């Protein structure tokens, strides 16, 4: 199993959202800027974007308290998402697909285009039905931090070693100890 972090999004939105209920934006100690650099509008459009800066200790502490207070208080954490490229055996995907809330499938490699190229009808069905469960398949998925928290809690003692690898990966994410 291989897990690659593509991107993390939503940290700046989290900082804004956790301060709204108390109208305490003036107490924020984060210094985050969203950068959008559009080189051309037409033709080859090149966009560079991202969040730069620091996530302040007071804002981290507030987000952590809200996350620990439960889903209704920590709703802003739902907006922190990670995009992962996961290569796993086919037998893992139904288990990963158990988690549908807070997960968005973005794409996967295609057995039809790999194993079943140029086949159709009964031939294609036969080839697809004979694909081994151990065959590796790569998918890109977006996971919210609360979903990763649920996975970590529910799968920490699972017998499949792939779940331990997934949890080990979760433990490497930024702010996981506070928000997951």
N, C-alpha and C. Protein backbone atom coordinates (compact mmCIF):
# COMPACT_ATOMS: atom_id res chain seq x y z
N UNK A 1 0.86 -1.18 0.00
CA UNK A 1 0.00 0.00 0.00
C UNK A 1 0.89 1.23 0.00
N UNK A 2 0.50 2.21 -0.80
CA UNK A 2 1.24 3.46 -0.85
C UNK A 2 0.24 4.61 -0.75
N UNK A 3 0.54 5.59 0.11
CA UNK A 3 -0.32 6.74 0.28
C UNK A 3 0.52 7.99 0.05
N UNK A 4 0.06 8.82 -0.86
CA UNK A 4 0.77 10.06 -1.17
C UNK A 4 -0.15 11.24 -0.89
N UNK A 5 0.35 12.18 -0.10
CA UNK A 5 -0.40 13.41 0.17
C UNK A 5 -0.25 14.33 -1.04
N UNK A 6 -1.37 14.69 -1.63
CA UNK A 6 -1.34 15.60 -2.77
C UNK A 6 -1.49 17.04 -2.30
N UNK A 7 -2.42 17.25 -1.36
CA UNK A 7 -2.72 18.63 -0.96
C UNK A 7 -3.55 18.62 0.31
N UNK A 8 -3.41 19.68 1.11
CA UNK A 8 -4.27 19.93 2.27
C UNK A 8 -4.93 21.28 2.03
N UNK A 9 -6.22 21.36 2.28
CA UNK A 9 -6.96 22.60 2.07
C UNK A 9 -7.85 22.89 3.28
N UNK A 10 -8.16 24.15 3.47
CA UNK A 10 -9.15 24.53 4.46
C UNK A 10 -8.61 25.10 5.77
N UNK A 11 -7.30 25.23 5.91
CA UNK A 11 -6.76 25.75 7.17
C UNK A 11 -7.17 27.22 7.37
N UNK A 12 -7.05 28.02 6.33
CA UNK A 12 -7.43 29.43 6.48
C UNK A 12 -8.93 29.56 6.74
N UNK A 13 -9.74 28.77 6.05
CA UNK A 13 -11.18 28.80 6.29
C UNK A 13 -11.50 28.37 7.71
N UNK A 14 -10.75 27.41 8.24
CA UNK A 14 -10.94 26.96 9.63
C UNK A 14 -10.70 28.12 10.59
N UNK A 15 -9.62 28.85 10.39
CA UNK A 15 -9.30 29.98 11.27
C UNK A 15 -10.43 31.01 11.24
N UNK A 16 -10.91 31.31 10.06
CA UNK A 16 -12.02 32.27 9.95
C UNK A 16 -13.28 31.74 10.64
N UNK A 17 -13.59 30.47 10.41
CA UNK A 17 -14.84 29.89 10.91
C UNK A 17 -14.88 29.75 12.43
N UNK A 18 -13.76 29.35 13.05
CA UNK A 18 -13.79 29.15 14.51
C UNK A 18 -13.92 30.47 15.26
N UNK A 19 -13.58 31.57 14.62
CA UNK A 19 -13.67 32.88 15.27
C UNK A 19 -15.06 33.52 15.10
N UNK A 20 -15.86 33.06 14.16
CA UNK A 20 -17.16 33.68 13.89
C UNK A 20 -18.12 33.70 15.08
N UNK A 21 -18.35 32.59 15.78
CA UNK A 21 -19.35 32.60 16.84
C UNK A 21 -19.11 33.66 17.92
N UNK A 22 -17.87 33.97 18.19
CA UNK A 22 -17.53 34.93 19.25
C UNK A 22 -17.14 36.29 18.70
N UNK A 23 -17.25 36.45 17.38
CA UNK A 23 -16.82 37.69 16.74
C UNK A 23 -15.44 38.09 17.26
N UNK A 24 -14.53 37.12 17.27
CA UNK A 24 -13.21 37.34 17.87
C UNK A 24 -12.08 37.34 16.84
N UNK A 25 -12.37 37.79 15.64
CA UNK A 25 -11.33 37.80 14.60
C UNK A 25 -10.14 38.67 15.01
N UNK A 26 -10.41 39.68 15.85
CA UNK A 26 -9.33 40.54 16.31
C UNK A 26 -8.35 39.81 17.23
N UNK A 27 -8.76 38.64 17.76
CA UNK A 27 -7.89 37.87 18.65
C UNK A 27 -7.12 36.78 17.90
N UNK A 28 -7.35 36.68 16.61
CA UNK A 28 -6.65 35.67 15.81
C UNK A 28 -5.16 36.00 15.77
N UNK A 29 -4.33 34.96 15.95
CA UNK A 29 -2.88 35.16 15.85
C UNK A 29 -2.29 34.43 14.65
N UNK A 30 -3.14 34.02 13.73
CA UNK A 30 -2.66 33.39 12.50
C UNK A 30 -2.38 34.48 11.48
N UNK A 31 -1.42 34.21 10.65
CA UNK A 31 -1.08 35.14 9.56
C UNK A 31 -1.05 34.32 8.28
N UNK A 32 -2.24 34.15 7.69
CA UNK A 32 -2.38 33.31 6.51
C UNK A 32 -2.87 34.16 5.35
N UNK A 33 -2.30 33.93 4.20
CA UNK A 33 -2.71 34.63 2.99
C UNK A 33 -3.00 33.61 1.91
N UNK A 34 -4.06 33.84 1.17
CA UNK A 34 -4.37 33.01 0.02
C UNK A 34 -3.74 33.68 -1.19
N UNK A 35 -2.93 32.95 -1.90
CA UNK A 35 -2.24 33.49 -3.07
C UNK A 35 -2.85 32.94 -4.35
N UNK A 36 -3.20 33.81 -5.23
CA UNK A 36 -3.69 33.41 -6.55
C UNK A 36 -2.94 34.24 -7.57
N UNK A 37 -2.17 33.58 -8.38
CA UNK A 37 -1.36 34.27 -9.38
C UNK A 37 -1.78 33.76 -10.75
N UNK A 38 -2.58 34.53 -11.43
CA UNK A 38 -3.08 34.13 -12.74
C UNK A 38 -2.18 34.74 -13.80
N UNK A 39 -1.46 33.91 -14.53
CA UNK A 39 -0.50 34.36 -15.53
C UNK A 39 -1.18 34.80 -16.82
N UNK A 40 -2.15 34.02 -17.28
CA UNK A 40 -2.87 34.33 -18.52
C UNK A 40 -4.33 33.99 -18.32
N UNK A 41 -5.20 34.75 -18.93
CA UNK A 41 -6.63 34.48 -18.82
C UNK A 41 -7.08 33.51 -19.90
N UNK A 42 -6.50 33.62 -21.07
CA UNK A 42 -6.88 32.73 -22.16
C UNK A 42 -5.66 31.94 -22.62
N UNK A 43 -5.89 30.94 -23.43
CA UNK A 43 -4.77 30.12 -23.90
C UNK A 43 -4.32 29.18 -22.79
N UNK A 44 -3.03 29.11 -22.57
CA UNK A 44 -2.50 28.24 -21.51
C UNK A 44 -2.67 28.95 -20.18
N UNK A 45 -3.71 28.62 -19.47
CA UNK A 45 -4.00 29.24 -18.18
C UNK A 45 -3.13 28.58 -17.12
N UNK A 46 -2.31 29.37 -16.46
CA UNK A 46 -1.45 28.87 -15.40
C UNK A 46 -1.86 29.55 -14.10
N UNK A 47 -2.30 28.77 -13.15
CA UNK A 47 -2.72 29.32 -11.87
C UNK A 47 -1.86 28.72 -10.77
N UNK A 48 -1.31 29.57 -9.96
CA UNK A 48 -0.57 29.12 -8.79
C UNK A 48 -1.37 29.59 -7.58
N UNK A 49 -1.70 28.68 -6.68
CA UNK A 49 -2.47 29.08 -5.52
C UNK A 49 -1.99 28.30 -4.30
N UNK A 50 -2.40 28.79 -3.17
CA UNK A 50 -2.05 28.12 -1.93
C UNK A 50 -2.17 29.09 -0.77
N UNK A 51 -1.97 28.57 0.42
CA UNK A 51 -2.02 29.38 1.62
C UNK A 51 -0.61 29.46 2.17
N UNK A 52 -0.16 30.66 2.43
CA UNK A 52 1.16 30.87 3.02
C UNK A 52 0.99 31.56 4.36
N UNK A 53 1.92 31.33 5.24
CA UNK A 53 1.91 32.02 6.52
C UNK A 53 1.98 31.05 7.68
N UNK A 54 1.49 31.51 8.83
CA UNK A 54 1.55 30.68 10.03
C UNK A 54 0.17 30.53 10.65
N UNK A 55 -0.08 29.38 11.21
CA UNK A 55 -1.30 29.05 11.93
C UNK A 55 -0.96 29.33 13.40
N UNK A 56 -1.52 30.38 13.98
CA UNK A 56 -1.16 30.85 15.31
C UNK A 56 -1.56 29.90 16.44
N UNK A 57 -0.83 29.98 17.53
CA UNK A 57 -1.06 29.11 18.70
C UNK A 57 -2.45 29.31 19.30
N UNK A 58 -2.93 30.55 19.41
CA UNK A 58 -4.27 30.79 19.96
C UNK A 58 -5.35 30.19 19.07
N UNK A 59 -5.18 30.34 17.76
CA UNK A 59 -6.15 29.77 16.83
C UNK A 59 -6.10 28.25 16.84
N UNK A 60 -4.91 27.69 16.93
CA UNK A 60 -4.77 26.23 17.05
C UNK A 60 -5.46 25.74 18.31
N UNK A 61 -5.24 26.43 19.42
CA UNK A 61 -5.84 26.04 20.70
C UNK A 61 -7.36 26.09 20.62
N UNK A 62 -7.91 27.15 20.03
CA UNK A 62 -9.36 27.27 19.89
C UNK A 62 -9.91 26.14 19.01
N UNK A 63 -9.26 25.89 17.88
CA UNK A 63 -9.70 24.81 16.98
C UNK A 63 -9.64 23.46 17.69
N UNK A 64 -8.60 23.24 18.48
CA UNK A 64 -8.46 21.99 19.22
C UNK A 64 -9.58 21.83 20.24
N UNK A 65 -9.89 22.88 20.99
CA UNK A 65 -10.97 22.81 21.99
C UNK A 65 -12.31 22.50 21.31
N UNK A 66 -12.56 23.14 20.18
CA UNK A 66 -13.81 22.90 19.46
C UNK A 66 -13.86 21.49 18.90
N UNK A 67 -12.74 21.00 18.38
CA UNK A 67 -12.69 19.63 17.85
C UNK A 67 -12.99 18.63 18.95
N UNK A 68 -12.42 18.85 20.12
CA UNK A 68 -12.62 17.92 21.25
C UNK A 68 -14.01 18.03 21.86
N UNK A 69 -14.69 19.15 21.62
CA UNK A 69 -16.04 19.35 22.17
C UNK A 69 -17.10 18.58 21.39
N UNK A 70 -16.72 18.02 20.26
CA UNK A 70 -17.66 17.21 19.49
C UNK A 70 -17.97 17.80 18.13
N UNK A 71 -18.67 17.01 17.34
CA UNK A 71 -18.92 17.36 15.95
C UNK A 71 -19.73 18.65 15.80
N UNK A 72 -20.69 18.89 16.71
CA UNK A 72 -21.49 20.11 16.56
C UNK A 72 -20.68 21.37 16.85
N UNK A 73 -19.75 21.33 17.79
CA UNK A 73 -18.91 22.49 18.09
C UNK A 73 -17.72 22.58 17.13
N UNK A 74 -17.24 21.43 16.68
CA UNK A 74 -16.08 21.40 15.81
C UNK A 74 -16.42 21.34 14.34
N UNK A 75 -17.58 21.87 13.97
CA UNK A 75 -18.02 21.76 12.58
C UNK A 75 -17.07 22.42 11.59
N UNK A 76 -16.31 23.42 12.01
CA UNK A 76 -15.37 24.07 11.10
C UNK A 76 -14.26 23.12 10.67
N UNK A 77 -13.97 22.11 11.49
CA UNK A 77 -12.91 21.16 11.16
C UNK A 77 -13.31 20.31 9.94
N UNK A 78 -14.62 20.19 9.69
CA UNK A 78 -15.09 19.45 8.52
C UNK A 78 -14.53 20.02 7.23
N UNK A 79 -14.21 21.30 7.23
CA UNK A 79 -13.71 21.96 6.04
C UNK A 79 -12.23 21.74 5.77
N UNK A 80 -11.51 21.14 6.74
CA UNK A 80 -10.10 20.83 6.50
C UNK A 80 -10.07 19.48 5.80
N UNK A 81 -9.54 19.47 4.60
CA UNK A 81 -9.56 18.25 3.80
C UNK A 81 -8.17 17.95 3.25
N UNK A 82 -7.93 16.66 3.04
CA UNK A 82 -6.69 16.23 2.42
C UNK A 82 -7.04 15.46 1.16
N UNK A 83 -6.22 15.66 0.17
CA UNK A 83 -6.34 14.92 -1.09
C UNK A 83 -5.23 13.89 -1.10
N UNK A 84 -5.62 12.62 -1.20
CA UNK A 84 -4.66 11.53 -1.13
C UNK A 84 -4.69 10.70 -2.40
N UNK A 85 -3.51 10.25 -2.81
CA UNK A 85 -3.38 9.28 -3.90
C UNK A 85 -3.00 7.97 -3.22
N UNK A 86 -3.91 7.02 -3.26
CA UNK A 86 -3.73 5.76 -2.54
C UNK A 86 -3.63 4.62 -3.54
N UNK A 87 -2.59 3.83 -3.41
CA UNK A 87 -2.46 2.60 -4.18
C UNK A 87 -2.60 1.46 -3.19
N UNK A 88 -3.66 0.67 -3.37
CA UNK A 88 -3.97 -0.40 -2.41
C UNK A 88 -4.53 -1.60 -3.16
N UNK A 89 -4.44 -2.77 -2.53
CA UNK A 89 -5.06 -3.95 -3.15
C UNK A 89 -6.56 -3.75 -3.30
N UNK A 90 -7.13 -4.36 -4.32
CA UNK A 90 -8.57 -4.21 -4.57
C UNK A 90 -9.41 -4.61 -3.37
N UNK A 91 -8.93 -5.56 -2.56
CA UNK A 91 -9.74 -5.99 -1.40
C UNK A 91 -9.87 -4.89 -0.36
N UNK A 92 -9.02 -3.88 -0.40
CA UNK A 92 -9.11 -2.78 0.56
C UNK A 92 -10.17 -1.75 0.19
N UNK A 93 -10.45 -1.62 -1.10
CA UNK A 93 -11.34 -0.53 -1.52
C UNK A 93 -12.75 -0.63 -0.97
N UNK A 94 -13.38 -1.82 -0.89
CA UNK A 94 -14.70 -1.86 -0.26
C UNK A 94 -14.65 -1.42 1.22
N UNK A 95 -13.54 -1.72 1.89
CA UNK A 95 -13.42 -1.30 3.28
C UNK A 95 -13.22 0.20 3.39
N UNK A 96 -12.38 0.77 2.54
CA UNK A 96 -12.19 2.22 2.54
C UNK A 96 -13.50 2.90 2.14
N UNK A 97 -14.22 2.30 1.19
CA UNK A 97 -15.48 2.87 0.72
C UNK A 97 -16.59 2.81 1.76
N UNK A 98 -16.33 2.15 2.90
CA UNK A 98 -17.27 2.19 4.02
C UNK A 98 -17.47 3.63 4.47
N UNK A 99 -16.41 4.41 4.34
CA UNK A 99 -16.44 5.81 4.76
C UNK A 99 -16.86 6.66 3.59
N UNK A 100 -18.13 7.07 3.59
CA UNK A 100 -18.65 7.85 2.47
C UNK A 100 -18.89 9.30 2.87
N UNK A 101 -19.23 9.54 4.14
CA UNK A 101 -19.44 10.91 4.60
C UNK A 101 -18.08 11.54 4.84
N UNK A 102 -17.82 12.65 4.20
CA UNK A 102 -16.54 13.31 4.34
C UNK A 102 -15.46 12.76 3.43
N UNK A 103 -15.88 11.96 2.44
CA UNK A 103 -14.94 11.41 1.46
C UNK A 103 -15.51 11.66 0.07
N UNK A 104 -14.68 12.17 -0.81
CA UNK A 104 -15.11 12.39 -2.19
C UNK A 104 -14.15 11.66 -3.12
N UNK A 105 -14.66 10.70 -3.91
CA UNK A 105 -13.79 10.05 -4.90
C UNK A 105 -13.51 11.02 -6.04
N UNK A 106 -12.26 11.06 -6.46
CA UNK A 106 -11.88 12.01 -7.50
C UNK A 106 -11.47 11.30 -8.79
N UNK A 107 -11.11 10.03 -8.71
CA UNK A 107 -10.73 9.29 -9.90
C UNK A 107 -9.93 8.05 -9.52
N UNK A 108 -9.85 7.12 -10.45
CA UNK A 108 -9.08 5.90 -10.20
C UNK A 108 -8.54 5.36 -11.52
N UNK A 109 -7.54 4.47 -11.40
CA UNK A 109 -7.10 3.81 -12.62
C UNK A 109 -8.21 2.85 -13.03
N UNK A 110 -8.25 2.52 -14.29
CA UNK A 110 -9.38 1.80 -14.85
C UNK A 110 -9.01 0.37 -15.21
N UNK A 111 -9.71 -0.59 -14.61
CA UNK A 111 -9.48 -1.99 -15.00
C UNK A 111 -9.99 -2.21 -16.42
N UNK A 112 -11.00 -1.48 -16.81
CA UNK A 112 -11.55 -1.65 -18.15
C UNK A 112 -10.53 -1.22 -19.21
N UNK A 113 -9.78 -0.17 -18.93
CA UNK A 113 -8.80 0.31 -19.89
C UNK A 113 -7.47 -0.43 -19.80
N UNK A 114 -7.21 -1.08 -18.67
CA UNK A 114 -5.95 -1.83 -18.53
C UNK A 114 -6.16 -3.28 -18.95
N UNK A 115 -6.91 -4.02 -18.13
CA UNK A 115 -7.09 -5.45 -18.40
C UNK A 115 -8.06 -5.73 -19.54
N UNK A 116 -9.05 -4.83 -19.74
CA UNK A 116 -10.09 -5.10 -20.72
C UNK A 116 -10.01 -4.25 -21.97
N UNK A 117 -8.85 -3.74 -22.26
CA UNK A 117 -8.69 -2.87 -23.43
C UNK A 117 -9.10 -3.65 -24.70
N UNK A 118 -9.90 -3.01 -25.52
CA UNK A 118 -10.36 -3.55 -26.81
C UNK A 118 -11.33 -4.73 -26.65
N UNK A 119 -11.81 -5.01 -25.45
CA UNK A 119 -12.78 -6.09 -25.26
C UNK A 119 -14.16 -5.48 -25.01
N UNK A 120 -15.19 -6.30 -25.26
CA UNK A 120 -16.55 -5.87 -24.95
C UNK A 120 -17.41 -7.09 -24.72
N UNK A 121 -18.58 -6.84 -24.21
CA UNK A 121 -19.54 -7.91 -23.98
C UNK A 121 -19.04 -8.97 -23.02
N UNK A 122 -19.30 -10.23 -23.36
CA UNK A 122 -18.97 -11.36 -22.49
C UNK A 122 -17.46 -11.47 -22.25
N UNK A 123 -16.66 -11.13 -23.26
CA UNK A 123 -15.20 -11.18 -23.07
C UNK A 123 -14.75 -10.21 -21.99
N UNK A 124 -15.29 -9.00 -22.03
CA UNK A 124 -14.94 -7.99 -21.03
C UNK A 124 -15.42 -8.43 -19.65
N UNK A 125 -16.64 -8.96 -19.57
CA UNK A 125 -17.16 -9.45 -18.28
C UNK A 125 -16.26 -10.53 -17.70
N UNK A 126 -15.82 -11.46 -18.54
CA UNK A 126 -14.97 -12.55 -18.09
C UNK A 126 -13.65 -12.03 -17.54
N UNK A 127 -13.00 -11.13 -18.27
CA UNK A 127 -11.72 -10.58 -17.84
C UNK A 127 -11.88 -9.82 -16.53
N UNK A 128 -12.93 -9.01 -16.44
CA UNK A 128 -13.14 -8.23 -15.22
C UNK A 128 -13.46 -9.12 -14.03
N UNK A 129 -14.17 -10.21 -14.26
CA UNK A 129 -14.52 -11.12 -13.15
C UNK A 129 -13.32 -11.92 -12.66
N UNK A 130 -12.28 -11.99 -13.47
CA UNK A 130 -11.09 -12.76 -13.09
C UNK A 130 -9.96 -11.91 -12.50
N UNK A 131 -10.20 -10.61 -12.34
CA UNK A 131 -9.17 -9.75 -11.76
C UNK A 131 -8.96 -10.15 -10.30
N UNK A 132 -7.73 -10.36 -9.94
CA UNK A 132 -7.38 -10.81 -8.58
C UNK A 132 -7.60 -9.67 -7.59
N UNK A 133 -8.08 -10.06 -6.40
CA UNK A 133 -8.33 -9.08 -5.34
C UNK A 133 -7.04 -8.44 -4.83
N UNK A 134 -5.91 -9.08 -5.03
CA UNK A 134 -4.64 -8.52 -4.60
C UNK A 134 -4.05 -7.52 -5.58
N UNK A 135 -4.69 -7.36 -6.75
CA UNK A 135 -4.19 -6.41 -7.75
C UNK A 135 -4.25 -5.00 -7.16
N UNK A 136 -3.17 -4.26 -7.35
CA UNK A 136 -3.13 -2.90 -6.83
C UNK A 136 -3.93 -1.97 -7.72
N UNK A 137 -4.68 -1.10 -7.08
CA UNK A 137 -5.44 -0.09 -7.81
C UNK A 137 -5.17 1.26 -7.15
N UNK A 138 -5.00 2.26 -7.97
CA UNK A 138 -4.72 3.61 -7.48
C UNK A 138 -5.97 4.47 -7.61
N UNK A 139 -6.29 5.16 -6.53
CA UNK A 139 -7.41 6.09 -6.53
C UNK A 139 -6.99 7.38 -5.85
N UNK A 140 -7.63 8.45 -6.24
CA UNK A 140 -7.44 9.73 -5.57
C UNK A 140 -8.75 10.06 -4.87
N UNK A 141 -8.63 10.35 -3.58
CA UNK A 141 -9.81 10.65 -2.78
C UNK A 141 -9.53 11.86 -1.90
N UNK A 142 -10.60 12.58 -1.60
CA UNK A 142 -10.53 13.68 -0.67
C UNK A 142 -11.17 13.22 0.64
N UNK A 143 -10.46 13.39 1.75
CA UNK A 143 -10.96 13.01 3.07
C UNK A 143 -11.01 14.25 3.96
N UNK A 144 -12.10 14.42 4.70
CA UNK A 144 -12.15 15.49 5.71
C UNK A 144 -11.40 15.02 6.95
N UNK A 145 -10.92 15.96 7.74
CA UNK A 145 -10.23 15.60 8.98
C UNK A 145 -11.15 14.81 9.94
N UNK A 146 -12.43 15.18 10.09
CA UNK A 146 -13.28 14.36 10.97
C UNK A 146 -13.42 12.91 10.48
N UNK A 147 -13.43 12.71 9.17
CA UNK A 147 -13.50 11.34 8.65
C UNK A 147 -12.22 10.59 8.96
N UNK A 148 -11.07 11.25 8.83
CA UNK A 148 -9.80 10.61 9.19
C UNK A 148 -9.78 10.28 10.68
N UNK A 149 -10.38 11.12 11.48
CA UNK A 149 -10.48 10.85 12.92
C UNK A 149 -11.31 9.59 13.16
N UNK A 150 -12.43 9.49 12.46
CA UNK A 150 -13.30 8.31 12.59
C UNK A 150 -12.57 7.05 12.14
N UNK A 151 -11.85 7.12 11.04
CA UNK A 151 -11.08 5.97 10.55
C UNK A 151 -10.05 5.55 11.59
N UNK A 152 -9.34 6.52 12.12
CA UNK A 152 -8.30 6.23 13.12
C UNK A 152 -8.90 5.54 14.35
N UNK A 153 -10.02 6.05 14.81
CA UNK A 153 -10.67 5.48 16.00
C UNK A 153 -11.24 4.09 15.72
N UNK A 154 -11.88 3.92 14.58
CA UNK A 154 -12.58 2.66 14.30
C UNK A 154 -11.66 1.56 13.78
N UNK A 155 -10.53 1.89 13.18
CA UNK A 155 -9.68 0.87 12.56
C UNK A 155 -8.35 0.65 13.28
N UNK A 156 -8.17 1.28 14.44
CA UNK A 156 -6.86 1.20 15.12
C UNK A 156 -6.45 -0.23 15.49
N UNK A 157 -7.39 -1.12 15.71
CA UNK A 157 -7.06 -2.50 16.07
C UNK A 157 -7.44 -3.50 14.99
N UNK A 158 -7.57 -3.03 13.76
CA UNK A 158 -7.99 -3.90 12.66
C UNK A 158 -6.89 -4.91 12.33
N UNK A 159 -7.30 -6.10 11.91
CA UNK A 159 -6.36 -7.18 11.61
C UNK A 159 -5.58 -6.99 10.31
N UNK A 160 -6.13 -6.24 9.35
CA UNK A 160 -5.42 -6.03 8.09
C UNK A 160 -4.28 -5.02 8.29
N UNK A 161 -3.07 -5.37 7.89
CA UNK A 161 -1.94 -4.45 8.08
C UNK A 161 -2.09 -3.15 7.29
N UNK A 162 -2.87 -3.16 6.23
CA UNK A 162 -3.07 -1.94 5.45
C UNK A 162 -3.73 -0.84 6.30
N UNK A 163 -4.61 -1.25 7.21
CA UNK A 163 -5.24 -0.23 8.06
C UNK A 163 -4.22 0.39 9.01
N UNK A 164 -3.29 -0.40 9.47
CA UNK A 164 -2.23 0.17 10.33
C UNK A 164 -1.37 1.14 9.54
N UNK A 165 -1.09 0.82 8.27
CA UNK A 165 -0.33 1.73 7.41
C UNK A 165 -1.10 3.03 7.21
N UNK A 166 -2.42 2.92 7.01
CA UNK A 166 -3.25 4.10 6.81
C UNK A 166 -3.23 4.98 8.06
N UNK A 167 -3.38 4.36 9.22
CA UNK A 167 -3.36 5.11 10.48
C UNK A 167 -1.99 5.74 10.71
N UNK A 168 -0.92 5.01 10.41
CA UNK A 168 0.43 5.58 10.53
C UNK A 168 0.55 6.83 9.65
N UNK A 169 -0.04 6.77 8.46
CA UNK A 169 0.00 7.94 7.57
C UNK A 169 -0.80 9.09 8.18
N UNK A 170 -2.00 8.81 8.69
CA UNK A 170 -2.82 9.86 9.31
C UNK A 170 -2.01 10.57 10.40
N UNK A 171 -1.23 9.80 11.15
CA UNK A 171 -0.44 10.37 12.24
C UNK A 171 0.66 11.31 11.77
N UNK A 172 0.93 11.37 10.47
CA UNK A 172 1.95 12.28 9.95
C UNK A 172 1.37 13.60 9.47
N UNK A 173 0.05 13.71 9.42
CA UNK A 173 -0.57 14.92 8.87
C UNK A 173 -0.42 16.11 9.81
N UNK A 174 -0.34 17.31 9.25
CA UNK A 174 -0.24 18.51 10.09
C UNK A 174 -1.45 18.66 11.00
N UNK A 175 -1.20 18.99 12.24
CA UNK A 175 -2.23 19.26 13.25
C UNK A 175 -3.10 18.06 13.57
N UNK A 176 -2.68 16.86 13.17
CA UNK A 176 -3.50 15.68 13.41
C UNK A 176 -3.70 15.45 14.91
N UNK A 177 -2.67 15.73 15.71
CA UNK A 177 -2.79 15.48 17.14
C UNK A 177 -3.80 16.43 17.79
N UNK A 178 -4.11 17.54 17.14
CA UNK A 178 -5.06 18.50 17.68
C UNK A 178 -6.46 18.32 17.10
N UNK A 179 -6.52 18.04 15.80
CA UNK A 179 -7.80 18.08 15.09
C UNK A 179 -8.36 16.70 14.75
N UNK A 180 -7.52 15.66 14.86
CA UNK A 180 -8.00 14.31 14.51
C UNK A 180 -8.13 13.50 15.78
